[in-house]
Amino acid sequence: MASKDAFRKKSLYTVLIATILLAFQITGCSDDDSPPPETQVTKLTDYETIISYEDELLGTPTVIRYAGDSTFLVTDLARKEVLEIKTNGEIIRTFGGEGRGPGEVLWINTFYLYEDQISILDPWEFVIHNFERNGNLIDSFNFGEMGYTPFMPSPPVTDQVVLPPYPEYQPHVTANGDILLSPAATGDDASSLYRIYQSDGSFRAPVGHIPDGSTFRIDNDLTREEILDGEVPSF
């Protein structure tokens, strides 16, 4: 108990010194009465509406990316599709669609765009669907069957438990079509932050070494003890 009290006193002392130094800095800067520089405001008056809500073409658009050649790719969660749209509002083609069949999704978290491929991430089915730009389905990568099930969003923070923010465990598709999967959700024996797979499921390499003694499962009592002892929590 004595060591914890000493640690608390040392922490309070450090905060007090930092506060005093900050006060001196503020006081030292207060002698300058010159007005702040003017911020130039640019008002945009020229714009063009590509699609209006009155057109009833999109329900709930989320991710929007420019695809080149005067086209956009738009994720529409209401339709469970990624739409390729010309700047004149014409829908060229769609990718996905609601369902459990080949190339269909139950939800779209994001999509990845390359020159000749579009990859759609469905976090509910734990599947990545890869499409050609013409809309044909290339293949589907089921990372759920491999044991990779990303953590769901954290519950609200309370004063009863320690809830550090979880890292981003969602799969990621690289520019050459490889897939980065985080083994964090598979247990405490993970030795790397990510593992690289090809779209056919073959393993390529680990990425980011995790030091021994780390854990992905939080122990609130242990975390409190480590913090009070001035240690970096193992989580």
Foldseek 3Di string as FASTA:
>chain_A
DVLLVVLVVVVVVVVVVVVVVVVVVVVVVVVDPDDDDDDDDDDDDDDDDQDDVVVVPADAWDDWDDDDPQWIWTQGFVQQWTFIAHSNNDTPDIFAGDDDDQRHEPGFPDWDDAPFWIWTQHLVQQKIWIAGPVHHTDHIARCVVVVQRDDDADDDDDPPFDDDGDPDQGWDADRVGKIWGACQNVFFPDQARTWIAHSVGHTDGGHHGDDPQAGSDDDRVQQVVCVSSVHDDSD
